[in-house]
């Protein structure tokens, strides 16, 4: 099972939003864009995994997306 899950990605993205809004020490916009770009690559790979599972009829993926979400369509 992978160490990081979709919930972890969401938490990191929300932390990035909070850091951008920090009035005392906001995150640099370039850093936030890099985080968003990497997150998009992760999301795209998860979409490919879901497509593969649907196409092959496999019952499980890597664990990044909880199995019950895969089975229930997201």
PDB file of N, CA and C in Angstrom:
ATOM      1  N   UNK A   1       0.837  -1.184   0.000  1.00  0.00           N
ATOM      2  CA  UNK A   1       0.000   0.000   0.000  1.00  0.00           C
ATOM      3  C   UNK A   1       0.885   1.252   0.000  1.00  0.00           C
ATOM      4  N   UNK A   2       0.491   2.246  -0.762  1.00  0.00           N
ATOM      5  CA  UNK A   2       1.303   3.462  -0.804  1.00  0.00           C
ATOM      6  C   UNK A   2       1.201   4.235   0.508  1.00  0.00           C
ATOM      7  N   UNK A   3       2.236   4.967   0.776  1.00  0.00           N
ATOM      8  CA  UNK A   3       2.280   5.777   1.994  1.00  0.00           C
ATOM      9  C   UNK A   3       1.294   6.942   1.907  1.00  0.00           C
ATOM     10  N   UNK A   4       1.194   7.560   0.752  1.00  0.00           N
ATOM     11  CA  UNK A   4       0.326   8.725   0.578  1.00  0.00           C
ATOM     12  C   UNK A   4      -0.965   8.331  -0.135  1.00  0.00           C
ATOM     13  N   UNK A   5      -2.024   8.948   0.261  1.00  0.00           N
ATOM     14  CA  UNK A   5      -3.344   8.665  -0.304  1.00  0.00           C
ATOM     15  C   UNK A   5      -3.951   9.969  -0.823  1.00  0.00           C
ATOM     16  N   UNK A   6      -5.083   9.853  -1.521  1.00  0.00           N
ATOM     17  CA  UNK A   6      -5.748  11.020  -2.104  1.00  0.00           C
ATOM     18  C   UNK A   6      -6.078  12.059  -1.034  1.00  0.00           C
ATOM     19  N   UNK A   7      -6.427  11.594   0.170  1.00  0.00           N
ATOM     20  CA  UNK A   7      -6.739  12.527   1.256  1.00  0.00           C
ATOM     21  C   UNK A   7      -5.511  13.357   1.633  1.00  0.00           C
ATOM     22  N   UNK A   8      -4.330  12.732   1.562  1.00  0.00           N
ATOM     23  CA  UNK A   8      -3.092  13.462   1.847  1.00  0.00           C
ATOM     24  C   UNK A   8      -2.861  14.563   0.817  1.00  0.00           C
ATOM     25  N   UNK A   9      -3.137  14.246  -0.442  1.00  0.00           N
ATOM     26  CA  UNK A   9      -2.985  15.244  -1.496  1.00  0.00           C
ATOM     27  C   UNK A   9      -3.911  16.427  -1.242  1.00  0.00           C
ATOM     28  N   UNK A  10      -5.155  16.126  -0.908  1.00  0.00           N
ATOM     29  CA  UNK A  10      -6.102  17.214  -0.598  1.00  0.00           C
ATOM     30  C   UNK A  10      -5.600  18.068   0.551  1.00  0.00           C
ATOM     31  N   UNK A  11      -5.099  17.410   1.588  1.00  0.00           N
ATOM     32  CA  UNK A  11      -4.593  18.156   2.744  1.00  0.00           C
ATOM     33  C   UNK A  11      -3.436  19.069   2.355  1.00  0.00           C
ATOM     34  N   UNK A  12      -2.522  18.565   1.514  1.00  0.00           N
ATOM     35  CA  UNK A  12      -1.400  19.398   1.068  1.00  0.00           C
ATOM     36  C   UNK A  12      -1.891  20.586   0.234  1.00  0.00           C
ATOM     37  N   UNK A  13      -2.877  20.349  -0.612  1.00  0.00           N
ATOM     38  CA  UNK A  13      -3.387  21.442  -1.441  1.00  0.00           C
ATOM     39  C   UNK A  13      -4.109  22.493  -0.609  1.00  0.00           C
ATOM     40  N   UNK A  14      -4.877  22.049   0.379  1.00  0.00           N
ATOM     41  CA  UNK A  14      -5.526  23.026   1.255  1.00  0.00           C
ATOM     42  C   UNK A  14      -4.503  23.784   2.095  1.00  0.00           C
ATOM     43  N   UNK A  15      -3.443  23.107   2.510  1.00  0.00           N
ATOM     44  CA  UNK A  15      -2.373  23.791   3.243  1.00  0.00           C
ATOM     45  C   UNK A  15      -1.708  24.845   2.357  1.00  0.00           C
ATOM     46  N   UNK A  16      -1.565  24.532   1.064  1.00  0.00           N
ATOM     47  CA  UNK A  16      -0.997  25.497   0.123  1.00  0.00           C
ATOM     48  C   UNK A  16      -1.901  26.722   0.009  1.00  0.00           C
ATOM     49  N   UNK A  17      -3.206  26.500  -0.094  1.00  0.00           N
ATOM     50  CA  UNK A  17      -4.138  27.627  -0.142  1.00  0.00           C
ATOM     51  C   UNK A  17      -4.033  28.487   1.108  1.00  0.00           C
ATOM     52  N   UNK A  18      -3.969  27.831   2.257  1.00  0.00           N
ATOM     53  CA  UNK A  18      -3.850  28.571   3.516  1.00  0.00           C
ATOM     54  C   UNK A  18      -2.549  29.365   3.556  1.00  0.00           C
ATOM     55  N   UNK A  19      -1.465  28.749   3.078  1.00  0.00           N
ATOM     56  CA  UNK A  19      -0.174  29.431   3.074  1.00  0.00           C
ATOM     57  C   UNK A  19      -0.183  30.633   2.135  1.00  0.00           C
ATOM     58  N   UNK A  20      -0.878  30.520   1.015  1.00  0.00           N
ATOM     59  CA  UNK A  20      -0.981  31.653   0.098  1.00  0.00           C
ATOM     60  C   UNK A  20      -1.728  32.823   0.733  1.00  0.00           C
ATOM     61  N   UNK A  21      -2.679  32.504   1.609  1.00  0.00           N
ATOM     62  CA  UNK A  21      -3.498  33.543   2.237  1.00  0.00           C
ATOM     63  C   UNK A  21      -2.891  34.099   3.515  1.00  0.00           C
ATOM     64  N   UNK A  22      -1.784  33.545   3.960  1.00  0.00           N
ATOM     65  CA  UNK A  22      -1.139  34.021   5.178  1.00  0.00           C
ATOM     66  C   UNK A  22      -0.670  35.459   4.980  1.00  0.00           C
ATOM     67  N   UNK A  23      -1.252  36.365   5.728  1.00  0.00           N
ATOM     68  CA  UNK A  23      -0.931  37.788   5.549  1.00  0.00           C
ATOM     69  C   UNK A  23       0.466  38.139   6.049  1.00  0.00           C
ATOM     70  N   UNK A  24       0.969  37.416   7.042  1.00  0.00           N
ATOM     71  CA  UNK A  24       2.284  37.734   7.598  1.00  0.00           C
ATOM     72  C   UNK A  24       3.427  37.182   6.752  1.00  0.00           C
ATOM     73  N   UNK A  25       3.252  35.974   6.238  1.00  0.00           N
ATOM     74  CA  UNK A  25       4.310  35.350   5.439  1.00  0.00           C
ATOM     75  C   UNK A  25       3.685  34.455   4.378  1.00  0.00           C
ATOM     76  N   UNK A  26       3.137  35.054   3.313  1.00  0.00           N
ATOM     77  CA  UNK A  26       2.487  34.241   2.277  1.00  0.00           C
ATOM     78  C   UNK A  26       3.496  33.403   1.489  1.00  0.00           C
ATOM     79  N   UNK A  27       3.018  32.249   1.044  1.00  0.00           N
ATOM     80  CA  UNK A  27       3.838  31.384   0.197  1.00  0.00           C
ATOM     81  C   UNK A  27       4.084  32.084  -1.136  1.00  0.00           C
ATOM     82  N   UNK A  28       5.269  31.841  -1.713  1.00  0.00           N
ATOM     83  CA  UNK A  28       5.576  32.420  -3.014  1.00  0.00           C
ATOM     84  C   UNK A  28       4.664  31.777  -4.065  1.00  0.00           C
ATOM     85  N   UNK A  29       4.182  32.596  -4.979  1.00  0.00           N
ATOM     86  CA  UNK A  29       3.261  32.128  -6.004  1.00  0.00           C
ATOM     87  C   UNK A  29       3.912  31.046  -6.872  1.00  0.00           C
ATOM     88  N   UNK A  30       5.183  31.203  -7.213  1.00  0.00           N
ATOM     89  CA  UNK A  30       5.859  30.188  -8.033  1.00  0.00           C
ATOM     90  C   UNK A  30       5.892  28.834  -7.329  1.00  0.00           C
ATOM     91  N   UNK A  31       6.107  28.849  -6.030  1.00  0.00           N
ATOM     92  CA  UNK A  31       6.113  27.595  -5.277  1.00  0.00           C
ATOM     93  C   UNK A  31       4.720  26.969  -5.277  1.00  0.00           C
ATOM     94  N   UNK A  32       3.694  27.777  -5.078  1.00  0.00           N
ATOM     95  CA  UNK A  32       2.320  27.272  -5.090  1.00  0.00           C
ATOM     96  C   UNK A  32       1.969  26.695  -6.461  1.00  0.00           C
ATOM     97  N   UNK A  33       2.415  27.344  -7.530  1.00  0.00           N
ATOM     98  CA  UNK A  33       2.160  26.829  -8.880  1.00  0.00           C
ATOM     99  C   UNK A  33       2.843  25.488  -9.097  1.00  0.00           C
ATOM    100  N   UNK A  34       4.055  25.351  -8.573  1.00  0.00           N
ATOM    101  CA  UNK A  34       4.776  24.082  -8.688  1.00  0.00           C
ATOM    102  C   UNK A  34       4.030  22.979  -7.947  1.00  0.00           C
ATOM    103  N   UNK A  35       3.541  23.285  -6.759  1.00  0.00           N
ATOM    104  CA  UNK A  35       2.764  22.305  -5.990  1.00  0.00           C
ATOM    105  C   UNK A  35       1.519  21.905  -6.776  1.00  0.00           C
ATOM    106  N   UNK A  36       0.832  22.876  -7.354  1.00  0.00           N
ATOM    107  CA  UNK A  36      -0.374  22.588  -8.141  1.00  0.00           C
ATOM    108  C   UNK A  36      -0.048  21.743  -9.366  1.00  0.00           C
ATOM    109  N   UNK A  37       1.070  22.023 -10.014  1.00  0.00           N
ATOM    110  CA  UNK A  37       1.473  21.240 -11.192  1.00  0.00           C
ATOM    111  C   UNK A  37       1.755  19.787 -10.821  1.00  0.00           C
ATOM    112  N   UNK A  38       2.474  19.583  -9.730  1.00  0.00           N
ATOM    113  CA  UNK A  38       2.779  18.225  -9.286  1.00  0.00           C
ATOM    114  C   UNK A  38       1.487  17.510  -8.887  1.00  0.00           C
ATOM    115  N   UNK A  39       0.606  18.212  -8.199  1.00  0.00           N
ATOM    116  CA  UNK A  39      -0.677  17.626  -7.801  1.00  0.00           C
ATOM    117  C   UNK A  39      -1.472  17.191  -9.026  1.00  0.00           C
ATOM    118  N   UNK A  40      -1.439  17.979 -10.087  1.00  0.00           N
ATOM    119  CA  UNK A  40      -2.163  17.626 -11.304  1.00  0.00           C
ATOM    120  C   UNK A  40      -1.613  16.353 -11.928  1.00  0.00           C
ATOM    121  N   UNK A  41      -0.301  16.179 -11.901  1.00  0.00           N
ATOM    122  CA  UNK A  41       0.302  14.949 -12.415  1.00  0.00           C
ATOM    123  C   UNK A  41      -0.175  13.753 -11.593  1.00  0.00           C
ATOM    124  N   UNK A  42      -0.239  13.914 -10.272  1.00  0.00           N
ATOM    125  CA  UNK A  42      -0.702  12.831  -9.402  1.00  0.00           C
ATOM    126  C   UNK A  42      -2.161  12.499  -9.704  1.00  0.00           C
ATOM    127  N   UNK A  43      -2.997  13.523  -9.851  1.00  0.00           N
ATOM    128  CA  UNK A  43      -4.412  13.306 -10.167  1.00  0.00           C
ATOM    129  C   UNK A  43      -4.556  12.602 -11.508  1.00  0.00           C
ATOM    130  N   UNK A  44      -3.792  13.029 -12.494  1.00  0.00           N
ATOM    131  CA  UNK A  44      -3.855  12.389 -13.816  1.00  0.00           C
ATOM    132  C   UNK A  44      -3.455  10.920 -13.746  1.00  0.00           C
ATOM    133  N   UNK A  45      -2.442  10.609 -12.948  1.00  0.00           N
ATOM    134  CA  UNK A  45      -2.041   9.203 -12.831  1.00  0.00           C
ATOM    135  C   UNK A  45      -3.125   8.393 -12.126  1.00  0.00           C
ATOM    136  N   UNK A  46      -3.809   8.990 -11.162  1.00  0.00           N
ATOM    137  CA  UNK A  46      -4.915   8.297 -10.487  1.00  0.00           C
ATOM    138  C   UNK A  46      -6.060   8.050 -11.465  1.00  0.00           C
ATOM    139  N   UNK A  47      -6.334   9.014 -12.350  1.00  0.00           N
ATOM    140  CA  UNK A  47      -7.383   8.820 -13.367  1.00  0.00           C
ATOM    141  C   UNK A  47      -7.037   7.663 -14.288  1.00  0.00           C
ATOM    142  N   UNK A  48      -5.776   7.570 -14.668  1.00  0.00           N
ATOM    143  CA  UNK A  48      -5.341   6.472 -15.528  1.00  0.00           C
ATOM    144  C   UNK A  48      -5.505   5.143 -14.792  1.00  0.00           C
ATOM    145  N   UNK A  49      -5.177   5.136 -13.520  1.00  0.00           N
ATOM    146  CA  UNK A  49      -5.341   3.916 -12.730  1.00  0.00           C
ATOM    147  C   UNK A  49      -6.808   3.483 -12.683  1.00  0.00           C
ATOM    148  N   UNK A  50      -7.709   4.427 -12.468  1.00  0.00           N
ATOM    149  CA  UNK A  50      -9.137   4.116 -12.431  1.00  0.00           C
ATOM    150  C   UNK A  50      -9.592   3.592 -13.789  1.00  0.00           C
ATOM    151  N   UNK A  51      -9.161   4.232 -14.862  1.00  0.00           N
ATOM    152  CA  UNK A  51      -9.511   3.760 -16.212  1.00  0.00           C
ATOM    153  C   UNK A  51      -9.002   2.343 -16.445  1.00  0.00           C
ATOM    154  N   UNK A  52      -7.788   2.057 -15.999  1.00  0.00           N
ATOM    155  CA  UNK A  52      -7.212   0.723 -16.164  1.00  0.00           C
ATOM    156  C   UNK A  52      -8.034  -0.314 -15.393  1.00  0.00           C
ATOM    157  N   UNK A  53      -8.399   0.022 -14.166  1.00  0.00           N
ATOM    158  CA  UNK A  53      -9.187  -0.903 -13.345  1.00  0.00           C
ATOM    159  C   UNK A  53     -10.538  -1.178 -14.003  1.00  0.00           C
ATOM    160  N   UNK A  54     -11.171  -0.132 -14.503  1.00  0.00           N
ATOM    161  CA  UNK A  54     -12.461  -0.314 -15.179  1.00  0.00           C
ATOM    162  C   UNK A  54     -12.318  -1.146 -16.451  1.00  0.00           C
ATOM    163  N   UNK A  55     -11.275  -0.898 -17.215  1.00  0.00           N
ATOM    164  CA  UNK A  55     -11.088  -1.592 -18.487  1.00  0.00           C
ATOM    165  C   UNK A  55     -10.723  -3.061 -18.304  1.00  0.00           C
ATOM    166  N   UNK A  56      -9.999  -3.377 -17.248  1.00  0.00           N
ATOM    167  CA  UNK A  56      -9.535  -4.747 -17.052  1.00  0.00           C
ATOM    168  C   UNK A  56     -10.411  -5.533 -16.085  1.00  0.00           C
ATOM    169  N   UNK A  57     -11.283  -4.836 -15.381  1.00  0.00           N
ATOM    170  CA  UNK A  57     -12.135  -5.510 -14.410  1.00  0.00           C
ATOM    171  C   UNK A  57     -11.420  -5.889 -13.129  1.00  0.00           C
ATOM    172  N   UNK A  58     -10.238  -5.362 -12.938  1.00  0.00           N
ATOM    173  CA  UNK A  58      -9.516  -5.644 -11.688  1.00  0.00           C
ATOM    174  C   UNK A  58     -10.288  -5.079 -10.509  1.00  0.00           C
ATOM    175  N   UNK A  59     -10.108  -5.665  -9.367  1.00  0.00           N
ATOM    176  CA  UNK A  59     -10.882  -5.239  -8.203  1.00  0.00           C
ATOM    177  C   UNK A  59     -10.137  -4.272  -7.306  1.00  0.00           C
ATOM    178  N   UNK A  60      -8.851  -4.031  -7.578  1.00  0.00           N
ATOM    179  CA  UNK A  60      -8.119  -3.109  -6.717  1.00  0.00           C
ATOM    180  C   UNK A  60      -7.037  -2.379  -7.481  1.00  0.00           C
ATOM    181  N   UNK A  61      -6.646  -1.244  -6.923  1.00  0.00           N
ATOM    182  CA  UNK A  61      -5.580  -0.446  -7.508  1.00  0.00           C
ATOM    183  C   UNK A  61      -4.385  -0.436  -6.576  1.00  0.00           C
ATOM    184  N   UNK A  62      -3.686   0.681  -6.567  1.00  0.00           N
ATOM    185  CA  UNK A  62      -2.480   0.792  -5.750  1.00  0.00           C
ATOM    186  C   UNK A  62      -2.785   1.159  -4.307  1.00  0.00           C
ATOM    187  N   UNK A  63      -3.998   1.606  -4.036  1.00  0.00           N
ATOM    188  CA  UNK A  63      -4.350   2.045  -2.692  1.00  0.00           C
ATOM    189  C   UNK A  63      -4.353   3.552  -2.542  1.00  0.00           C
ATOM    190  N   UNK A  64      -3.896   4.269  -3.561  1.00  0.00           N
ATOM    191  CA  UNK A  64      -3.896   5.735  -3.494  1.00  0.00           C
ATOM    192  C   UNK A  64      -5.321   6.247  -3.330  1.00  0.00           C
ATOM    193  N   UNK A  65      -6.228   5.684  -4.114  1.00  0.00           N
ATOM    194  CA  UNK A  65      -7.655   5.981  -3.963  1.00  0.00           C
ATOM    195  C   UNK A  65      -8.236   4.806  -3.187  1.00  0.00           C
ATOM    196  N   UNK A  66      -8.903   5.062  -2.055  1.00  0.00           N
ATOM    197  CA  UNK A  66      -9.459   3.952  -1.278  1.00  0.00           C
ATOM    198  C   UNK A  66     -10.330   3.037  -2.140  1.00  0.00           C
ATOM    199  N   UNK A  67     -10.215   1.748  -1.901  1.00  0.00           N
ATOM    200  CA  UNK A  67     -10.894   0.747  -2.730  1.00  0.00           C
ATOM    201  C   UNK A  67     -12.394   0.964  -2.816  1.00  0.00           C
ATOM    202  N   UNK A  68     -13.032   1.350  -1.703  1.00  0.00           N
ATOM    203  CA  UNK A  68     -14.475   1.556  -1.738  1.00  0.00           C
ATOM    204  C   UNK A  68     -14.860   2.695  -2.680  1.00  0.00           C
ATOM    205  N   UNK A  69     -14.008   3.675  -2.846  1.00  0.00           N
ATOM    206  CA  UNK A  69     -14.290   4.754  -3.797  1.00  0.00           C
ATOM    207  C   UNK A  69     -14.157   4.265  -5.227  1.00  0.00           C
ATOM    208  N   UNK A  70     -13.178   3.415  -5.465  1.00  0.00           N
ATOM    209  CA  UNK A  70     -13.014   2.864  -6.804  1.00  0.00           C
ATOM    210  C   UNK A  70     -14.240   2.041  -7.197  1.00  0.00           C
ATOM    211  N   UNK A  71     -14.709   1.226  -6.278  1.00  0.00           N
ATOM    212  CA  UNK A  71     -15.832   0.348  -6.559  1.00  0.00           C
ATOM    213  C   UNK A  71     -17.139   1.112  -6.719  1.00  0.00           C
ATOM    214  N   UNK A  72     -17.254   2.253  -6.010  1.00  0.00           N
ATOM    215  CA  UNK A  72     -18.479   3.042  -6.060  1.00  0.00           C
ATOM    216  C   UNK A  72     -18.408   4.177  -7.076  1.00  0.00           C
ATOM    217  N   UNK A  73     -17.379   4.226  -7.876  1.00  0.00           N
ATOM    218  CA  UNK A  73     -17.277   5.240  -8.916  1.00  0.00           C
ATOM    219  C   UNK A  73     -16.741   6.571  -8.456  1.00  0.00           C
ATOM    220  N   UNK A  74     -16.035   6.632  -7.341  1.00  0.00           N
ATOM    221  CA  UNK A  74     -15.355   7.842  -6.964  1.00  0.00           C
ATOM    222  C   UNK A  74     -15.816   8.452  -5.747  1.00  0.00           C
TER     223      UNK A  74
END
